[in-house]
Structure formats: structure tokens, C-alpha cells
Protein backbone atom coordinates (compact mmCIF):
# COMPACT_ATOMS: atom_id res chain seq x y z
CA UNK A 1 -13.37 10.39 -9.17
CA UNK A 2 -9.74 10.77 -7.97
CA UNK A 3 -7.40 13.00 -9.98
CA UNK A 4 -5.29 10.10 -11.31
CA UNK A 5 -8.49 8.31 -12.33
CA UNK A 6 -9.66 11.46 -14.16
CA UNK A 7 -6.37 11.63 -16.08
CA UNK A 8 -6.74 7.95 -16.95
CA UNK A 9 -10.30 8.56 -18.12
CA UNK A 10 -9.28 11.54 -20.28
CA UNK A 11 -6.49 9.58 -21.91
CA UNK A 12 -8.89 6.75 -22.63
CA UNK A 13 -11.29 9.26 -24.18
CA UNK A 14 -8.46 10.46 -26.45
CA UNK A 15 -7.80 6.90 -27.54
CA UNK A 16 -4.97 5.80 -25.24
CA UNK A 17 -5.21 2.43 -23.49
CA UNK A 18 -5.38 2.35 -19.69
CA UNK A 19 -2.14 2.10 -17.75
CA UNK A 20 -1.37 -1.50 -16.88
CA UNK A 21 -0.16 -2.36 -13.41
CA UNK A 22 3.51 -3.43 -13.37
CA UNK A 23 3.67 -2.54 -17.06
CA UNK A 24 6.93 -4.00 -18.46
CA UNK A 25 6.99 -1.33 -21.19
CA UNK A 26 7.18 1.49 -18.62
CA UNK A 27 10.97 1.68 -18.49
CA UNK A 28 11.20 2.17 -22.24
CA UNK A 29 8.66 5.00 -22.04
CA UNK A 30 10.94 6.95 -19.71
CA UNK A 31 12.67 9.02 -22.40
CA UNK A 32 9.37 10.17 -23.95
CA UNK A 33 7.73 11.00 -20.61
CA UNK A 34 10.74 12.90 -19.28
CA UNK A 35 11.18 14.94 -22.45
CA UNK A 36 7.55 15.86 -23.12
CA UNK A 37 6.24 15.77 -19.52
CA UNK A 38 3.18 13.93 -20.83
CA UNK A 39 0.96 11.33 -19.13
CA UNK A 40 2.92 8.17 -18.44
CA UNK A 41 0.72 5.87 -20.49
CA UNK A 42 0.91 8.06 -23.58
CA UNK A 43 3.35 5.60 -25.16
CA UNK A 44 3.99 1.87 -24.96
CA UNK A 45 7.27 0.43 -26.27
CA UNK A 46 8.80 -3.02 -26.12
CA UNK A 47 12.08 -4.44 -27.35
CA UNK A 48 11.55 -6.55 -30.45
CA UNK A 49 14.33 -8.93 -29.45
CA UNK A 50 17.66 -9.30 -27.73
CA UNK A 51 20.04 -6.50 -28.63
CA UNK A 52 23.50 -7.15 -30.01
CA UNK A 53 26.67 -7.35 -27.95
CA UNK A 54 28.51 -4.99 -30.28
CA UNK A 55 27.58 -1.29 -30.50
CA UNK A 56 27.87 0.67 -33.71
CA UNK A 57 26.26 3.21 -36.01
CA UNK A 58 22.91 2.70 -37.70
CA UNK A 59 19.97 4.81 -38.81
CA UNK A 60 16.53 5.29 -37.37
CA UNK A 61 14.90 6.89 -40.38
CA UNK A 62 16.30 9.40 -42.88
CA UNK A 63 19.06 11.69 -41.57
CA UNK A 64 18.82 10.24 -38.04
CA UNK A 65 22.01 8.48 -36.98
CA UNK A 66 22.14 6.37 -33.82
CA UNK A 67 25.03 4.76 -31.99
CA UNK A 68 24.56 1.73 -29.78
CA UNK A 69 23.15 -1.77 -29.80
CA UNK A 70 20.18 -3.08 -31.76
CA UNK A 71 18.33 -6.33 -32.31
CA UNK A 72 18.22 -6.25 -36.10
CA UNK A 73 20.37 -5.52 -39.11
CA UNK A 74 24.01 -4.55 -38.77
CA UNK A 75 25.95 -1.85 -36.98
CA UNK A 76 28.86 -0.04 -38.58
CA UNK A 77 32.11 0.95 -36.93
CA UNK A 78 32.31 4.09 -39.04
CA UNK A 79 29.62 6.69 -39.59
CA UNK A 80 30.69 7.15 -43.21
CA UNK A 81 29.13 4.80 -45.75
CA UNK A 82 25.80 2.94 -45.90
CA UNK A 83 24.12 2.51 -42.54
CA UNK A 84 21.38 0.05 -41.72
CA UNK A 85 17.97 1.68 -41.14
CA UNK A 86 16.43 0.07 -38.05
CA UNK A 87 13.21 2.02 -38.54
CA UNK A 88 12.21 -0.57 -41.15
CA UNK A 89 12.07 -3.21 -38.40
CA UNK A 90 9.61 -1.38 -36.14
CA UNK A 91 6.27 -3.16 -35.74
CA UNK A 92 3.10 -2.33 -33.83
CA UNK A 93 0.23 -4.37 -32.44
CA UNK A 94 -2.52 -3.60 -29.91
CA UNK A 95 -1.16 -0.09 -29.37
CA UNK A 96 2.35 -1.27 -28.43
CA UNK A 97 5.35 -0.39 -30.58
CA UNK A 98 8.05 -3.04 -30.81
CA UNK A 99 11.47 -1.46 -31.30
CA UNK A 100 14.81 -2.96 -32.37
CA UNK A 101 16.57 -0.64 -29.90
CA UNK A 102 16.26 0.70 -26.37
CA UNK A 103 15.61 4.47 -26.69
CA UNK A 104 17.07 5.24 -23.25
CA UNK A 105 20.42 3.66 -24.13
CA UNK A 106 20.62 5.23 -27.58
CA UNK A 107 19.85 8.72 -26.28
CA UNK A 108 22.36 8.40 -23.43
CA UNK A 109 25.04 7.29 -25.90
CA UNK A 110 24.53 10.57 -27.75
CA UNK A 111 24.18 12.85 -24.73
CA UNK A 112 27.24 11.32 -23.05
CA UNK A 113 29.17 11.25 -26.37
CA UNK A 114 29.93 7.55 -25.97
CA UNK A 115 30.28 7.30 -29.73
CA UNK A 116 33.00 9.94 -30.07
CA UNK A 117 36.13 7.73 -30.05
CA UNK A 118 34.60 4.97 -32.14
CA UNK A 119 36.74 4.24 -35.17
CA UNK A 120 39.55 6.59 -34.08
CA UNK A 121 42.07 4.28 -32.44
CA UNK A 122 45.03 5.91 -30.76
CA UNK A 123 43.28 9.23 -30.37
CA UNK A 124 42.95 10.71 -26.91
CA UNK A 125 39.35 11.31 -25.78
CA UNK A 126 40.46 14.85 -24.97
CA UNK A 127 41.69 15.53 -28.50
CA UNK A 128 45.46 15.97 -28.75
CA UNK A 129 47.68 13.41 -26.96
CA UNK A 130 48.45 14.40 -23.33
CA UNK A 131 52.13 15.19 -24.04
CA UNK A 132 51.21 17.54 -26.89
CA UNK A 133 48.44 19.17 -24.87
CA UNK A 134 50.76 19.66 -21.90
CA UNK A 135 53.44 21.22 -24.10
CA UNK A 136 50.93 23.58 -25.69
CA UNK A 137 49.48 24.79 -22.40
CA UNK A 138 52.96 25.36 -20.96
CA UNK A 139 53.82 27.57 -23.92
CA UNK A 140 50.41 29.21 -24.28
CA UNK A 141 51.05 32.21 -21.96
CA UNK A 142 54.07 33.14 -24.12
CA UNK A 143 52.45 32.59 -27.54
CA UNK A 144 51.08 35.65 -29.35
CA UNK A 145 47.50 35.29 -30.56
CA UNK A 146 48.53 34.94 -34.27
CA UNK A 147 50.76 31.96 -33.40
CA UNK A 148 48.02 30.33 -31.33
CA UNK A 149 45.56 30.85 -34.17
CA UNK A 150 47.97 29.20 -36.63
CA UNK A 151 48.47 26.15 -34.37
CA UNK A 152 44.75 25.74 -33.74
CA UNK A 153 43.82 26.16 -37.41
CA UNK A 154 46.31 23.46 -38.37
CA UNK A 155 44.98 21.05 -35.79
CA UNK A 156 41.32 21.67 -36.69
CA UNK A 157 41.87 21.77 -40.45
CA UNK A 158 39.88 18.57 -41.06
CA UNK A 159 36.70 19.86 -39.40
CA UNK A 160 34.71 20.04 -42.67
CA UNK A 161 35.22 16.29 -43.19
CA UNK A 162 33.48 15.28 -39.96
CA UNK A 163 30.20 13.57 -40.91
CA UNK A 164 28.61 13.33 -37.47
CA UNK A 165 27.31 15.25 -35.59
CA UNK A 166 25.85 17.40 -38.32
CA UNK A 167 27.28 20.90 -38.74
CA UNK A 168 26.26 23.62 -37.93
CA UNK A 169 23.25 22.42 -35.90
CA UNK A 170 22.51 18.86 -34.79
CA UNK A 171 19.28 17.82 -33.08
CA UNK A 172 19.49 14.04 -33.45
CA UNK A 173 18.26 13.50 -29.88
CA UNK A 174 15.09 15.50 -30.53
CA UNK A 175 14.57 13.81 -33.92
CA UNK A 176 14.62 10.39 -32.24
CA UNK A 177 12.16 11.50 -29.55
CA UNK A 178 9.80 12.98 -32.10
CA UNK A 179 9.96 9.84 -34.23
CA UNK A 180 9.14 7.70 -31.20
CA UNK A 181 6.12 9.86 -30.41
CA UNK A 182 4.90 9.64 -34.00
CA UNK A 183 5.24 5.83 -33.95
CA UNK A 184 3.28 5.62 -30.71
CA UNK A 185 0.51 7.92 -31.93
CA UNK A 186 0.12 5.94 -35.13
CA UNK A 187 0.10 2.62 -33.25
CA UNK A 188 -2.71 3.87 -31.02
CA UNK A 189 -4.57 5.73 -33.79
CA UNK A 190 -4.30 9.01 -31.86
CA UNK A 191 -4.20 12.32 -33.67
CA UNK A 192 -3.16 14.61 -30.83
CA UNK A 193 -1.43 14.32 -27.45
CA UNK A 194 -1.05 16.84 -24.59
CA UNK A 195 2.25 17.73 -22.90
CA UNK A 196 3.89 20.46 -20.83
CA UNK A 197 5.40 23.07 -23.16
CA UNK A 198 9.17 23.37 -23.12
CA UNK A 199 9.51 27.00 -22.02
CA UNK A 200 7.71 29.23 -19.50
CA UNK A 201 4.94 31.69 -20.36
CA UNK A 202 4.53 30.17 -23.82
CA UNK A 203 7.94 31.36 -25.08
CA UNK A 204 8.71 29.85 -28.47
CA UNK A 205 12.34 29.08 -27.62
CA UNK A 206 15.19 30.17 -25.36
CA UNK A 207 18.58 31.90 -25.68
CA UNK A 208 21.32 32.45 -23.09
CA UNK A 209 24.48 34.54 -23.25
CA UNK A 210 27.61 33.47 -21.37
CA UNK A 211 31.03 35.12 -21.06
CA UNK A 212 34.15 33.05 -20.29
CA UNK A 213 36.83 35.32 -18.81
CA UNK A 214 40.19 33.99 -20.03
CA UNK A 215 42.92 36.48 -19.14
CA UNK A 216 43.53 39.71 -17.22
CA UNK A 217 42.66 41.85 -20.26
CA UNK A 218 39.30 40.11 -20.49
CA UNK A 219 38.66 40.57 -16.79
CA UNK A 220 39.38 44.28 -17.13
CA UNK A 221 36.94 44.54 -20.06
CA UNK A 222 34.01 42.99 -18.20
CA UNK A 223 32.52 46.32 -17.08
CA UNK A 224 32.33 47.57 -20.67
CA UNK A 225 30.94 44.21 -21.76
CA UNK A 226 28.15 44.52 -19.19
CA UNK A 227 27.41 47.96 -20.63
CA UNK A 228 27.02 46.39 -24.08
CA UNK A 229 24.69 43.69 -22.75
CA UNK A 230 22.64 46.20 -20.76
CA UNK A 231 22.21 48.38 -23.83
CA UNK A 232 20.04 45.60 -25.29
CA UNK A 233 18.44 44.54 -22.00
CA UNK A 234 20.25 41.20 -22.00
CA UNK A 235 21.87 39.75 -18.88
CA UNK A 236 24.62 37.14 -19.03
CA UNK A 237 26.73 34.86 -16.86
CA UNK A 238 30.46 35.36 -16.36
CA UNK A 239 32.57 32.21 -15.97
CA UNK A 240 35.59 32.98 -13.77
CA UNK A 241 38.87 31.02 -13.67
CA UNK A 242 39.54 31.01 -9.92
CA UNK A 243 43.29 30.24 -9.89
CA UNK A 244 46.47 31.42 -11.66
CA UNK A 245 45.02 33.21 -14.71
CA UNK A 246 44.27 36.57 -13.01
CA UNK A 247 43.39 38.04 -9.60
CA UNK A 248 39.72 37.77 -8.64
CA UNK A 249 39.04 40.60 -6.17
CA UNK A 250 35.77 40.75 -4.25
CA UNK A 251 34.97 44.10 -5.85
CA UNK A 252 35.05 42.54 -9.31
CA UNK A 253 32.58 39.83 -8.27
CA UNK A 254 30.38 42.31 -6.42
CA UNK A 255 30.05 44.50 -9.51
CA UNK A 256 28.85 41.54 -11.60
CA UNK A 257 26.25 40.58 -9.00
CA UNK A 258 25.15 44.16 -8.26
CA UNK A 259 24.46 44.76 -11.94
CA UNK A 260 22.19 41.72 -12.16
CA UNK A 261 24.60 39.39 -13.95
CA UNK A 262 25.62 35.91 -12.84
CA UNK A 263 28.90 34.34 -11.69
CA UNK A 264 29.93 30.77 -12.49
CA UNK A 265 33.15 28.80 -12.16
CA UNK A 266 35.32 28.06 -15.20
CA UNK A 267 37.65 25.14 -14.54
CA UNK A 268 40.28 25.56 -11.80
CA UNK A 269 43.28 27.06 -13.59
CA UNK A 270 42.41 26.41 -17.27
CA UNK A 271 45.58 24.41 -17.99
CA UNK A 272 43.86 21.75 -20.11
CA UNK A 273 44.39 18.96 -17.59
CA UNK A 274 41.22 18.92 -15.50
CA UNK A 275 40.00 15.67 -17.12
CA UNK A 276 43.40 14.13 -17.89
CA UNK A 277 42.97 11.41 -15.26
CA UNK A 278 40.16 10.64 -12.87
CA UNK A 279 42.53 10.88 -9.89
CA UNK A 280 43.61 14.38 -10.90
CA UNK A 281 40.03 15.39 -11.61
CA UNK A 282 38.88 14.31 -8.15
CA UNK A 283 41.74 16.20 -6.49
CA UNK A 284 41.00 19.38 -8.38
CA UNK A 285 37.24 19.16 -8.07
CA UNK A 286 37.52 19.54 -4.29
CA UNK A 287 38.98 23.03 -4.79
CA UNK A 288 36.53 23.78 -7.60
CA UNK A 289 33.61 22.98 -5.29
CA UNK A 290 35.12 25.22 -2.63
CA UNK A 291 35.24 28.11 -5.09
CA UNK A 292 31.62 27.42 -6.02
CA UNK A 293 30.61 27.96 -2.41
CA UNK A 294 32.88 30.99 -2.05
CA UNK A 295 31.56 32.68 -5.23
CA UNK A 296 27.97 31.47 -4.65
CA UNK A 297 28.08 29.91 -8.12
CA UNK A 298 25.46 27.44 -9.31
CA UNK A 299 26.99 26.68 -12.71
CA UNK A 300 30.23 25.20 -14.04
CA UNK A 301 32.09 25.19 -17.33
CA UNK A 302 35.32 23.34 -18.05
CA UNK A 303 38.21 25.16 -19.70
CA UNK A 304 38.29 24.70 -23.50
CA UNK A 305 35.16 22.54 -23.06
CA UNK A 306 37.15 19.46 -22.07
CA UNK A 307 34.69 17.06 -20.45
CA UNK A 308 33.89 13.57 -19.24
CA UNK A 309 30.22 13.26 -18.29
CA UNK A 310 30.84 9.99 -16.46
CA UNK A 311 32.71 11.93 -13.74
CA UNK A 312 30.19 14.73 -13.26
CA UNK A 313 28.84 13.23 -10.04
CA UNK A 314 31.79 14.77 -8.16
CA UNK A 315 30.86 18.32 -9.22
CA UNK A 316 28.85 20.18 -6.58
CA UNK A 317 26.91 22.35 -9.02
CA UNK A 318 23.30 22.61 -10.10
CA UNK A 319 24.14 22.84 -13.79
CA UNK A 320 26.98 22.50 -16.29
CA UNK A 321 27.63 24.26 -19.62
CA UNK A 322 30.60 22.29 -21.00
CA UNK A 323 29.02 19.98 -23.60
CA UNK A 324 28.66 21.29 -27.16
CA UNK A 325 25.92 20.08 -29.44
CA UNK A 326 28.43 19.94 -32.31
CA UNK A 327 32.14 20.12 -31.41
CA UNK A 328 33.84 20.23 -34.81
CA UNK A 329 35.85 23.36 -33.93
CA UNK A 330 36.68 22.52 -30.32
CA UNK A 331 39.82 20.78 -28.99
CA UNK A 332 37.70 17.80 -27.88
CA UNK A 333 35.59 16.60 -30.78
CA UNK A 334 32.15 15.02 -30.47
CA UNK A 335 28.91 16.64 -29.35
CA UNK A 336 25.73 15.69 -27.51
CA UNK A 337 23.55 16.09 -30.64
CA UNK A 338 20.88 17.98 -28.69
CA UNK A 339 19.39 21.48 -28.61
CA UNK A 340 17.65 20.97 -25.27
CA UNK A 341 18.74 20.83 -21.63
CA UNK A 342 19.10 17.33 -20.20
CA UNK A 343 20.13 15.77 -16.92
CA UNK A 344 23.47 14.08 -16.30
CA UNK A 345 22.60 12.45 -13.02
CA UNK A 346 21.59 15.31 -10.71
CA UNK A 347 23.36 17.98 -12.83
CA UNK A 348 21.42 19.74 -15.56
CA UNK A 349 23.36 20.17 -18.79
CA UNK A 350 22.81 23.38 -20.75
CA UNK A 351 24.55 22.41 -24.00
CA UNK A 352 26.47 24.90 -26.10
CA UNK A 353 24.51 25.05 -29.36
CA UNK A 354 26.26 27.84 -31.33
CA UNK A 355 29.81 28.53 -32.46
CA UNK A 356 32.11 30.30 -30.00
CA UNK A 357 33.30 33.80 -30.85
CA UNK A 358 36.94 32.66 -30.85
CA UNK A 359 36.25 29.94 -33.42
CA UNK A 360 34.20 32.30 -35.56
CA UNK A 361 36.76 35.11 -35.54
CA UNK A 362 40.08 33.29 -35.40
CA UNK A 363 39.50 29.84 -36.94
CA UNK A 364 36.95 30.71 -39.64
CA UNK A 365 38.15 34.32 -39.94
CA UNK A 366 34.52 35.47 -40.09
CA UNK A 367 33.47 38.74 -38.49
CA UNK A 368 29.87 38.66 -39.68
CA UNK A 369 26.91 37.26 -37.74
CA UNK A 370 25.67 35.16 -40.67
CA UNK A 371 26.64 31.82 -39.12
CA UNK A 372 25.18 32.84 -35.75
CA UNK A 373 22.03 33.95 -37.57
CA UNK A 374 21.81 30.61 -39.41
CA UNK A 375 22.20 28.66 -36.18
CA UNK A 376 19.71 30.86 -34.34
CA UNK A 377 17.12 30.39 -37.07
CA UNK A 378 17.48 26.58 -37.02
CA UNK A 379 17.42 26.37 -33.23
CA UNK A 380 14.50 28.72 -32.62
CA UNK A 381 12.39 27.17 -35.38
CA UNK A 382 12.76 23.87 -33.51
CA UNK A 383 11.96 25.51 -30.12
CA UNK A 384 15.44 24.78 -28.79
CA UNK A 385 18.01 26.45 -26.55
CA UNK A 386 20.41 28.81 -28.34
CA UNK A 387 23.43 29.19 -26.05
CA UNK A 388 26.41 31.44 -26.75
CA UNK A 389 29.96 31.81 -25.49
CA UNK A 390 31.40 35.28 -26.10
CA UNK A 391 34.72 35.99 -24.37
CA UNK A 392 35.45 39.51 -23.13
CA UNK A 393 39.06 38.83 -24.20
CA UNK A 394 38.16 38.46 -27.88
CA UNK A 395 35.78 41.39 -28.39
CA UNK A 396 38.06 44.15 -27.14
CA UNK A 397 38.92 45.15 -30.70
CA UNK A 398 36.52 47.51 -32.43
CA UNK A 399 35.78 45.05 -35.27
CA UNK A 400 34.91 42.15 -32.98
CA UNK A 401 32.92 44.39 -30.67
CA UNK A 402 30.81 45.61 -33.60
CA UNK A 403 30.04 41.99 -34.52
CA UNK A 404 28.94 41.25 -30.98
CA UNK A 405 26.79 44.37 -30.92
CA UNK A 406 25.04 43.13 -34.07
CA UNK A 407 24.39 39.77 -32.39
CA UNK A 408 22.87 41.48 -29.36
CA UNK A 409 20.61 43.55 -31.61
CA UNK A 410 19.49 40.39 -33.42
CA UNK A 411 18.67 38.67 -30.13
CA UNK A 412 16.71 41.70 -28.92
CA UNK A 413 14.64 41.67 -32.14
CA UNK A 414 13.94 37.96 -31.85
CA UNK A 415 12.85 38.41 -28.23
CA UNK A 416 10.27 40.93 -29.40
CA UNK A 417 9.21 39.42 -32.74
CA UNK A 418 9.34 35.68 -31.97
CA UNK A 419 8.78 35.72 -28.21
CA UNK A 420 12.15 34.16 -27.39
CA UNK A 421 12.96 33.89 -23.70
CA UNK A 422 16.43 35.32 -22.86
CA UNK A 423 17.11 34.58 -19.17
CA UNK A 424 20.22 34.01 -17.11
CA UNK A 425 21.47 30.39 -17.12
CA UNK A 426 20.41 29.78 -13.52
CA UNK A 427 16.84 30.74 -14.48
CA UNK A 428 16.84 28.06 -17.20
CA UNK A 429 18.17 25.59 -14.65
CA UNK A 430 15.40 26.46 -12.18
CA UNK A 431 12.69 26.26 -14.84
CA UNK A 432 13.84 22.94 -16.29
CA UNK A 433 14.01 21.40 -12.83
CA UNK A 434 10.53 22.62 -12.00
CA UNK A 435 9.19 21.36 -15.33
CA UNK A 436 10.78 17.96 -14.69
CA UNK A 437 8.51 17.53 -11.67
CA UNK A 438 5.28 18.87 -13.16
CA UNK A 439 2.28 16.63 -13.78
CA UNK A 440 -0.32 16.96 -16.49
CA UNK A 441 -3.79 16.22 -15.10
CA UNK A 442 -7.26 16.33 -16.59
CA UNK A 443 -10.03 18.51 -15.18
CA UNK A 444 -13.28 18.02 -17.02
CA UNK A 445 -12.55 18.43 -20.69
CA UNK A 446 -9.32 20.36 -20.12
CA UNK A 447 -5.80 19.62 -19.05
CA UNK A 448 -4.16 21.26 -16.07
CA UNK A 449 -0.52 21.38 -15.00
CA UNK A 450 0.33 20.87 -11.34
CA UNK A 451 3.63 21.41 -9.58
CA UNK A 452 5.99 24.13 -8.43
CA UNK A 453 6.25 26.85 -11.07
CA UNK A 454 3.13 25.65 -12.91
CA UNK A 455 1.72 29.19 -13.01
CA UNK A 456 4.25 29.86 -15.79
CA UNK A 457 3.73 26.53 -17.55
CA UNK A 458 1.54 26.04 -20.60
CA UNK A 459 -0.34 23.02 -21.91
CA UNK A 460 0.79 22.16 -25.43
CA UNK A 461 -0.45 19.66 -28.00
CA UNK A 462 1.53 17.59 -30.47
CA UNK A 463 -0.59 16.98 -33.56
CA UNK A 464 0.20 14.33 -36.14
CA UNK A 465 0.60 15.78 -39.63
CA UNK A 466 1.63 12.96 -41.93
CA UNK A 467 4.84 11.62 -40.44
CA UNK A 468 5.67 14.86 -38.62
CA UNK A 469 4.51 16.70 -35.50
CA UNK A 470 3.04 20.17 -35.27
CA UNK A 471 2.96 21.92 -31.91
CA UNK A 472 0.35 24.31 -30.53
CA UNK A 473 0.47 26.04 -27.15
CA UNK A 474 -2.51 27.05 -25.06
CA UNK A 475 -2.80 30.28 -23.09
CA UNK A 476 -2.51 30.56 -19.31
CA UNK A 477 -4.57 28.15 -17.20
């Protein structure tokens, strides 16, 4: 029996129907298959009817907000107030789930933040109007930190009133994917399904540390910052602004590489205008890509996390780290509502899933690690990616440095006690790309993973427990 036939047989034995040739439901299965790396015929979805012309907010079960088009109920222009629950309109027959929405479109609307300007007419997608942003960045080099803090606090003062995404951790994307898998399993009367576990070597979750170097003082503190990281056995990436902010001598870059840390590009000159217009973006991105080659950088982050995912195709990088999961305290509001890496075309997005040190210290005036600890607990319990931005510029003071030291100690404990994987960002990029090409095949009564990097992969099982999923991970093949 050929290997594909064996996989088909094993799925049939577990209760899944055989894969139909030219199956019209295949396109709607894409999101589930790509996320779980499970056999392609694990799920079967169909649209229940023609979707609406108008997008809007609605629910897909309790505490799960969607934005997009649907074929039933109503869609709201505002996220506040009663929202229609489209989950009530899901039906199933002969193992196929009929949905009032297209999962691929709904998930992309969240990951690309297509919802973020809805209901906010007159507001720039980059936050403050261009004239105000330009004025601020012209003055910024001459503004003392207390003045900058006052301006930013005033502008972000309404952050507690933002209803969506959900502060301080939002995993709407994963909630939707899990709900879809539950619906499929129930429709096919299947108790357990196999998939490729999210992280290598059976790690329960992942955490990465990144350092954005803002000014000359921060650049000069990088050696001491590497000492702090090394004291806990944690390596990080340094995002360098290549023009205007500070000199970037070869010796500085060589030290970062020689000590086992990573170099990425941060914007071009960090003036807040990279994404102001597409024409300007395309002009600047040519120089940004040149610096990527010069610095041998695989990753990119935009200054102040300004972003427009629709333009990412021009970036010549393997991965990006500019999209927050929840952006309440960032100049550009929104958020991708995800705790997991995802692809934006050929670029892998490693979303920022925790609060930045600047926001913690200077907007919330909090020098404890309690919020970081709360976010870490939520993210790791859901097997997600906990990603951090800590600027060398903002931990020079003894008080801030002590807070960062406490965070490093917490991460080191979690690595030991909870088996959290703490790699460099480029290692996450390499793993997620390898995992995206792995195949789950059946060999006798067992499942086997094939593909580059599969020696580190683990077979996992999602088990239906009521309306929720429980995950178990097998040992090495």
C-alpha cells in the first residue's frame, strides 16, 4: 500500500471520511490544515450560503469576535454593543460542517488588522494625523523624556476603553481555529485527531527576547545588556536603525554576532514616516533591503511598530516582528489577535505578544514584572509565542535594569520548570517554515512526521473534552 493510501486508511479507521477528488470543501479547510499540520481530509467545511456584501463585527461563540462578511444574521459597525452570534447558524450533515462564514477570510481580516479603522472615520491608519506625527518626530530629538512621556500618555489616555482586541492577551485567531476543529470532530463523531505539535522537541511553548536600539546611549549600553542576557543563558536579537540615529560601526555589529546574538533591521531612520505613503515606502524599502544584505539580517521591525501588511511583499526579509497581538498602548492601534507565528505572503510574522518595556515603565508607570508575568502565564498555558521588546535605552537606570533582571530570571525558571523553548528569532522562523512543509503519515498503527527538521518534530493529539480541546504530545519518533 502506498504511503498516501496508508494515511487515508488510518484516517478512515479513526472515523474520517475518505478524501474526495476535486473536493470543493478543500479551500475552506486550508486554515485548519496549515495551523495544525494535520491530514488534509481531517475537516470538511462548506459555506452555508452567499456571504454579505458589507463586512462588520459579529460573534462566533462566547468571547470570540470576528470581523468580515457572513451569510446569516447581522454585522455591526462597532464592536461595542450586542453582536450577532453566527455560531448558532452552523449545521452539519454527513460529516460536513456548513458555516455562515469563510474561515480563511475572517482569519486574514484579523491577522492583517483589516478591522482596525472600522467605525473611526477621520482617523489615520497610522494613529495620529500625518501633520501631527511629522511635527512630533521633528521635535522628538529635542524633547526630554519626561515631556515625551507626557505627550504619549495624553494621546493614549483612552486605552482602557478599547473593547477589541482584548487586553492584555488576545488569542481570537486561535479560538476560532480551535472552535472549527471541535465542530469538525463532532460532525464526524471523532474523539481524537493527530497533528504536528507547534514547537520542536516537545516544548510546551516559546519565548523570544528582542532589543530595539533607539539612540546612541542605547547602542553604547548593548554590551552590558548582552552580559545581562548571558547571565541567564538567554540570547536575543538586536534591531538596529541603520541611518541617522547613531553610527553603526562594524565592530559593534561584530561583537553582537561573535557573542551569539542576532542582528536585524529596525526601520530606515525611525522618523515615523516609513508607511506614510506607498510611494515613500517603496523608495525607502530599497535602502532597507540593502542594509539587510549588508548586515546579513533575516528579520525586520518597523519603528514604533507602524505597519501595513498589504505592502510587505516589497520587504526582502525572511520574517517580520512589527505586528502586535494587542496594540492598545502603541501609536498605531489594532492588533493581529494571535499568539502564534503566521505567514504574510512569503514573510513569517512573529507577533509581539507582550507589553513593551517603554509602555510598562513610562506609560503605566509600573516597574514590577506582574503584568509581564500575567501575560506569560496566559500565553504559555495556551502554548503560544511570548515575544518581548526591551530597549537598551530604557533599562540603563538601576531601577529599570532590576526589573529586566527579574524578567530574565522568570524566563529562565519557566524554561526549566515548564519546558519553554527560548531561541533566537531566526530559529523560530526556521522551525515554523520547516513545520509548514511537514507531512503527517501513518505507519502501521502509528503516525510519523516526514519533512526537513522532522527529527525535532513531535506527533500530538487533540482530544475532544466537551466543547474544548485537550492536547497531548508524544515522545520522539
